[in-house]
Amino acid sequence: MKNNIQMVEDQDNFIQSLDIERLREIENQSKCLFQNDNLLQENCYDDDLRYSNIDEYIQNMQLAELRTLEKIVNCLSK
């Protein structure tokens, strides 16, 4: 339970560290990048097996996606 709480806190802290413009950019980029990503859908079953419950899986996916999207936005803005 402690790991789940820490994970949620980390996710919350990361999201709060972003300004609203950055969040809008990430949202727009995610719509373009992940709209037709069949490979992501095909490989998601393997990831499901690593987690004991769906909440933990979703939280990990959200945090990982936000970090990835921030890196993409940073690269695109250079």
C-alpha atoms as a PDB file:
ATOM      1  CA  MET A   1       0.000   0.000   0.000  1.00  0.00           C
ATOM      2  CA  LYS A   2       2.863   2.377   0.802  1.00  0.00           C
ATOM      3  CA  ASN A   3       4.310   1.965  -2.699  1.00  0.00           C
ATOM      4  CA  ASN A   4       0.933   2.804  -4.230  1.00  0.00           C
ATOM      5  CA  ILE A   5       0.659   5.948  -2.110  1.00  0.00           C
ATOM      6  CA  GLN A   6       4.188   7.009  -3.034  1.00  0.00           C
ATOM      7  CA  MET A   7       3.478   6.347  -6.693  1.00  0.00           C
ATOM      8  CA  VAL A   8       0.342   8.504  -6.587  1.00  0.00           C
ATOM      9  CA  GLU A   9       2.261  11.263  -4.795  1.00  0.00           C
ATOM     10  CA  ASP A  10       5.045  11.103  -7.406  1.00  0.00           C
ATOM     11  CA  GLN A  11       2.492  11.275 -10.203  1.00  0.00           C
ATOM     12  CA  ASP A  12       0.723  14.199  -8.570  1.00  0.00           C
ATOM     13  CA  ASN A  13       3.987  16.073  -7.950  1.00  0.00           C
ATOM     14  CA  PHE A  14       5.086  15.568 -11.542  1.00  0.00           C
ATOM     15  CA  ILE A  15       1.789  16.818 -12.962  1.00  0.00           C
ATOM     16  CA  GLN A  16       1.760  19.818 -10.627  1.00  0.00           C
ATOM     17  CA  SER A  17       5.305  20.731 -11.644  1.00  0.00           C
ATOM     18  CA  LEU A  18       4.142  21.367 -15.220  1.00  0.00           C
ATOM     19  CA  ASP A  19       2.684  24.704 -16.222  1.00  0.00           C
ATOM     20  CA  ILE A  20      -0.671  24.870 -17.985  1.00  0.00           C
ATOM     21  CA  GLU A  21       0.870  25.600 -21.388  1.00  0.00           C
ATOM     22  CA  ARG A  22       3.101  22.550 -21.100  1.00  0.00           C
ATOM     23  CA  LEU A  23       0.106  20.402 -20.147  1.00  0.00           C
ATOM     24  CA  ARG A  24      -1.817  21.654 -23.184  1.00  0.00           C
ATOM     25  CA  GLU A  25       1.140  20.908 -25.443  1.00  0.00           C
ATOM     26  CA  ILE A  26       1.447  17.415 -23.994  1.00  0.00           C
ATOM     27  CA  GLU A  27      -2.261  16.828 -24.460  1.00  0.00           C
ATOM     28  CA  ASN A  28      -2.118  17.914 -28.105  1.00  0.00           C
ATOM     29  CA  GLN A  29       0.970  15.829 -28.799  1.00  0.00           C
ATOM     30  CA  SER A  30      -0.544  12.766 -27.160  1.00  0.00           C
ATOM     31  CA  LYS A  31      -3.614  12.990 -29.385  1.00  0.00           C
ATOM     32  CA  CYS A  32      -1.380  12.900 -32.447  1.00  0.00           C
ATOM     33  CA  LEU A  33       1.168  10.367 -31.272  1.00  0.00           C
ATOM     34  CA  PHE A  34      -1.034   7.734 -29.670  1.00  0.00           C
ATOM     35  CA  GLN A  35      -4.189   7.929 -31.741  1.00  0.00           C
ATOM     36  CA  ASN A  36      -3.326   5.037 -34.059  1.00  0.00           C
ATOM     37  CA  ASP A  37      -0.607   3.252 -32.121  1.00  0.00           C
ATOM     38  CA  ASN A  38      -1.501  -0.402 -32.686  1.00  0.00           C
ATOM     39  CA  LEU A  39       1.863  -1.606 -31.442  1.00  0.00           C
ATOM     40  CA  LEU A  40       1.167  -0.099 -28.030  1.00  0.00           C
ATOM     41  CA  GLN A  41      -2.147  -1.937 -27.888  1.00  0.00           C
ATOM     42  CA  GLU A  42      -0.571  -5.245 -28.958  1.00  0.00           C
ATOM     43  CA  ASN A  43       2.137  -5.075 -26.295  1.00  0.00           C
ATOM     44  CA  CYS A  44       0.022  -3.906 -23.372  1.00  0.00           C
ATOM     45  CA  TYR A  45      -0.941  -7.444 -22.275  1.00  0.00           C
ATOM     46  CA  ASP A  46       2.652  -8.196 -21.199  1.00  0.00           C
ATOM     47  CA  ASP A  47       2.685  -5.087 -19.026  1.00  0.00           C
ATOM     48  CA  ASP A  48      -0.550  -6.196 -17.338  1.00  0.00           C
ATOM     49  CA  LEU A  49       1.199  -9.239 -15.907  1.00  0.00           C
ATOM     50  CA  ARG A  50       3.717  -7.151 -13.943  1.00  0.00           C
ATOM     51  CA  TYR A  51       1.162  -5.523 -11.659  1.00  0.00           C
ATOM     52  CA  SER A  52      -0.989  -7.005  -8.928  1.00  0.00           C
ATOM     53  CA  ASN A  53      -4.017  -4.832  -9.639  1.00  0.00           C
ATOM     54  CA  ILE A  54      -5.429  -2.641 -12.369  1.00  0.00           C
ATOM     55  CA  ASP A  55      -5.134   0.593 -10.346  1.00  0.00           C
ATOM     56  CA  GLU A  56      -1.398   0.159  -9.939  1.00  0.00           C
ATOM     57  CA  TYR A  57      -1.080  -0.617 -13.647  1.00  0.00           C
ATOM     58  CA  ILE A  58      -3.055   2.469 -14.682  1.00  0.00           C
ATOM     59  CA  GLN A  59      -1.089   4.744 -12.350  1.00  0.00           C
ATOM     60  CA  ASN A  60       2.222   3.451 -13.692  1.00  0.00           C
ATOM     61  CA  MET A  61       1.073   3.870 -17.282  1.00  0.00           C
ATOM     62  CA  GLN A  62      -0.136   7.424 -16.671  1.00  0.00           C
ATOM     63  CA  LEU A  63       3.090   8.485 -14.991  1.00  0.00           C
ATOM     64  CA  ALA A  64       5.251   6.856 -17.662  1.00  0.00           C
ATOM     65  CA  GLU A  65       3.183   8.392 -20.461  1.00  0.00           C
ATOM     66  CA  LEU A  66       3.410  11.874 -18.965  1.00  0.00           C
ATOM     67  CA  ARG A  67       7.174  11.614 -18.604  1.00  0.00           C
ATOM     68  CA  THR A  68       7.516  10.358 -22.169  1.00  0.00           C
ATOM     69  CA  LEU A  69       5.278  13.089 -23.500  1.00  0.00           C
ATOM     70  CA  GLU A  70       7.219  15.755 -21.637  1.00  0.00           C
ATOM     71  CA  LYS A  71      10.449  14.505 -23.226  1.00  0.00           C
ATOM     72  CA  ILE A  72       8.808  14.593 -26.656  1.00  0.00           C
ATOM     73  CA  VAL A  73       7.534  18.125 -26.116  1.00  0.00           C
ATOM     74  CA  ASN A  74      10.969  19.231 -24.922  1.00  0.00           C
ATOM     75  CA  CYS A  75      12.568  17.786 -28.059  1.00  0.00           C
ATOM     76  CA  LEU A  76       9.986  19.356 -30.349  1.00  0.00           C
ATOM     77  CA  SER A  77      10.320  22.773 -28.735  1.00  0.00           C
ATOM     78  CA  LYS A  78      14.095  22.960 -29.327  1.00  0.00           C
END
